[in-house]
Amino acid sequence: MRIVNMHEAKTHLSRLVERAANGEPFIIAKAGKPRVKVVPIDEPRRGKTGRIGFMEGAFKVPDDFDTMMADEIEQMFYGKK
């Protein structure tokens, strides 16, 4: 694995990061001592998870969803009338 000193890393950061992103990780050293390792991050998984609408058609929301059980909820808050 390539080791670069701090000055070289600052001077050529864009180039080094591009190489790391393409699978060539490197280590930045300060005064000859390794300090950090630069590696590419994992790409987010692409697939069926996380898609908007992936459950479309799997269930039906009742037409009265926003008012269903309103009487029971009101009784819980205010007691019997």
C-alpha atoms as a PDB file:
ATOM      1  CA  MET A   1       0.000   0.000   0.000  1.00  0.00           C
ATOM      2  CA  ARG A   2       1.308   3.411  -0.909  1.00  0.00           C
ATOM      3  CA  ILE A   3       2.450   5.723   1.906  1.00  0.00           C
ATOM      4  CA  VAL A   4       2.485   9.465   1.264  1.00  0.00           C
ATOM      5  CA  ASN A   5       3.675  12.226   3.558  1.00  0.00           C
ATOM      6  CA  MET A   6       1.404  15.010   4.734  1.00  0.00           C
ATOM      7  CA  HIS A   7       2.845  17.610   2.338  1.00  0.00           C
ATOM      8  CA  GLU A   8       2.422  15.327  -0.681  1.00  0.00           C
ATOM      9  CA  ALA A   9      -1.132  14.463   0.417  1.00  0.00           C
ATOM     10  CA  LYS A  10      -2.064  18.159   0.658  1.00  0.00           C
ATOM     11  CA  THR A  11      -0.452  18.931  -2.683  1.00  0.00           C
ATOM     12  CA  HIS A  12      -2.026  16.028  -4.594  1.00  0.00           C
ATOM     13  CA  LEU A  13      -5.197  15.388  -2.582  1.00  0.00           C
ATOM     14  CA  SER A  14      -7.610  15.331  -5.547  1.00  0.00           C
ATOM     15  CA  ARG A  15      -5.475  12.877  -7.481  1.00  0.00           C
ATOM     16  CA  LEU A  16      -4.921  10.631  -4.440  1.00  0.00           C
ATOM     17  CA  VAL A  17      -8.612  10.587  -3.540  1.00  0.00           C
ATOM     18  CA  GLU A  18      -9.544   9.674  -7.112  1.00  0.00           C
ATOM     19  CA  ARG A  19      -7.077   6.782  -7.045  1.00  0.00           C
ATOM     20  CA  ALA A  20      -8.420   5.614  -3.666  1.00  0.00           C
ATOM     21  CA  ALA A  21     -11.978   5.760  -4.997  1.00  0.00           C
ATOM     22  CA  ASN A  22     -10.850   3.507  -7.850  1.00  0.00           C
ATOM     23  CA  GLY A  23      -9.562   0.874  -5.432  1.00  0.00           C
ATOM     24  CA  GLU A  24      -6.037   2.072  -4.579  1.00  0.00           C
ATOM     25  CA  PRO A  25      -6.121   2.926  -0.846  1.00  0.00           C
ATOM     26  CA  PHE A  26      -3.178   4.795   0.657  1.00  0.00           C
ATOM     27  CA  ILE A  27      -1.747   5.837   4.016  1.00  0.00           C
ATOM     28  CA  ILE A  28      -0.902   9.391   5.032  1.00  0.00           C
ATOM     29  CA  ALA A  29       2.134   9.652   7.289  1.00  0.00           C
ATOM     30  CA  LYS A  30       3.338  12.539   9.451  1.00  0.00           C
ATOM     31  CA  ALA A  31       7.020  12.661  10.339  1.00  0.00           C
ATOM     32  CA  GLY A  32       7.348   9.158   8.882  1.00  0.00           C
ATOM     33  CA  LYS A  33       4.674   7.674  11.152  1.00  0.00           C
ATOM     34  CA  PRO A  34       1.454   6.355   9.574  1.00  0.00           C
ATOM     35  CA  ARG A  35      -1.505   8.449  10.756  1.00  0.00           C
ATOM     36  CA  VAL A  36      -4.555   7.634   8.592  1.00  0.00           C
ATOM     37  CA  LYS A  37      -5.619   5.159   5.941  1.00  0.00           C
ATOM     38  CA  VAL A  38      -7.711   6.431   3.032  1.00  0.00           C
ATOM     39  CA  VAL A  39     -10.006   3.807   1.520  1.00  0.00           C
ATOM     40  CA  PRO A  40     -13.052   4.043  -0.747  1.00  0.00           C
ATOM     41  CA  ILE A  41     -16.438   4.027   0.962  1.00  0.00           C
ATOM     42  CA  ASP A  42     -18.922   1.287   0.175  1.00  0.00           C
ATOM     43  CA  GLU A  43     -21.419   2.189  -2.499  1.00  0.00           C
ATOM     44  CA  PRO A  44     -25.029   2.136  -1.327  1.00  0.00           C
ATOM     45  CA  ARG A  45     -26.723  -1.098  -2.312  1.00  0.00           C
ATOM     46  CA  ARG A  46     -29.038  -0.768  -5.237  1.00  0.00           C
ATOM     47  CA  GLY A  47     -31.967  -3.083  -5.436  1.00  0.00           C
ATOM     48  CA  LYS A  48     -35.540  -3.535  -4.452  1.00  0.00           C
ATOM     49  CA  THR A  49     -35.129  -2.224  -0.900  1.00  0.00           C
ATOM     50  CA  GLY A  50     -35.745   1.459  -0.373  1.00  0.00           C
ATOM     51  CA  ARG A  51     -37.799   1.983  -3.494  1.00  0.00           C
ATOM     52  CA  ILE A  52     -40.773   4.282  -3.280  1.00  0.00           C
ATOM     53  CA  GLY A  53     -43.934   2.339  -3.964  1.00  0.00           C
ATOM     54  CA  PHE A  54     -42.470  -1.114  -3.371  1.00  0.00           C
ATOM     55  CA  MET A  55     -45.569  -2.110  -1.312  1.00  0.00           C
ATOM     56  CA  GLU A  56     -48.062  -0.706  -3.808  1.00  0.00           C
ATOM     57  CA  GLY A  57     -51.119  -2.911  -4.010  1.00  0.00           C
ATOM     58  CA  ALA A  58     -50.098  -5.042  -1.018  1.00  0.00           C
ATOM     59  CA  PHE A  59     -52.777  -3.592   1.272  1.00  0.00           C
ATOM     60  CA  LYS A  60     -55.764  -1.257   1.200  1.00  0.00           C
ATOM     61  CA  VAL A  61     -56.222   1.765   3.448  1.00  0.00           C
ATOM     62  CA  PRO A  62     -59.878   2.097   4.528  1.00  0.00           C
ATOM     63  CA  ASP A  63     -61.730   5.179   3.285  1.00  0.00           C
ATOM     64  CA  ASP A  64     -62.538   6.214   6.874  1.00  0.00           C
ATOM     65  CA  PHE A  65     -58.930   5.795   8.091  1.00  0.00           C
ATOM     66  CA  ASP A  66     -58.641   9.394   9.362  1.00  0.00           C
ATOM     67  CA  THR A  67     -61.880   9.134  11.408  1.00  0.00           C
ATOM     68  CA  MET A  68     -62.046   5.471  12.408  1.00  0.00           C
ATOM     69  CA  MET A  69     -62.343   4.841  16.149  1.00  0.00           C
ATOM     70  CA  ALA A  70     -62.776   8.588  16.765  1.00  0.00           C
ATOM     71  CA  ASP A  71     -65.497   7.964  19.367  1.00  0.00           C
ATOM     72  CA  GLU A  72     -63.340   5.499  21.297  1.00  0.00           C
ATOM     73  CA  ILE A  73     -60.350   7.836  21.265  1.00  0.00           C
ATOM     74  CA  GLU A  74     -62.483  10.756  22.422  1.00  0.00           C
ATOM     75  CA  GLN A  75     -63.804   8.620  25.307  1.00  0.00           C
ATOM     76  CA  MET A  76     -60.238   7.759  26.339  1.00  0.00           C
ATOM     77  CA  PHE A  77     -59.367  11.458  26.578  1.00  0.00           C
ATOM     78  CA  TYR A  78     -62.584  12.920  27.970  1.00  0.00           C
ATOM     79  CA  GLY A  79     -64.310   9.962  29.606  1.00  0.00           C
ATOM     80  CA  LYS A  80     -67.850   8.761  29.078  1.00  0.00           C
ATOM     81  CA  LYS A  81     -70.445  11.329  28.065  1.00  0.00           C
END
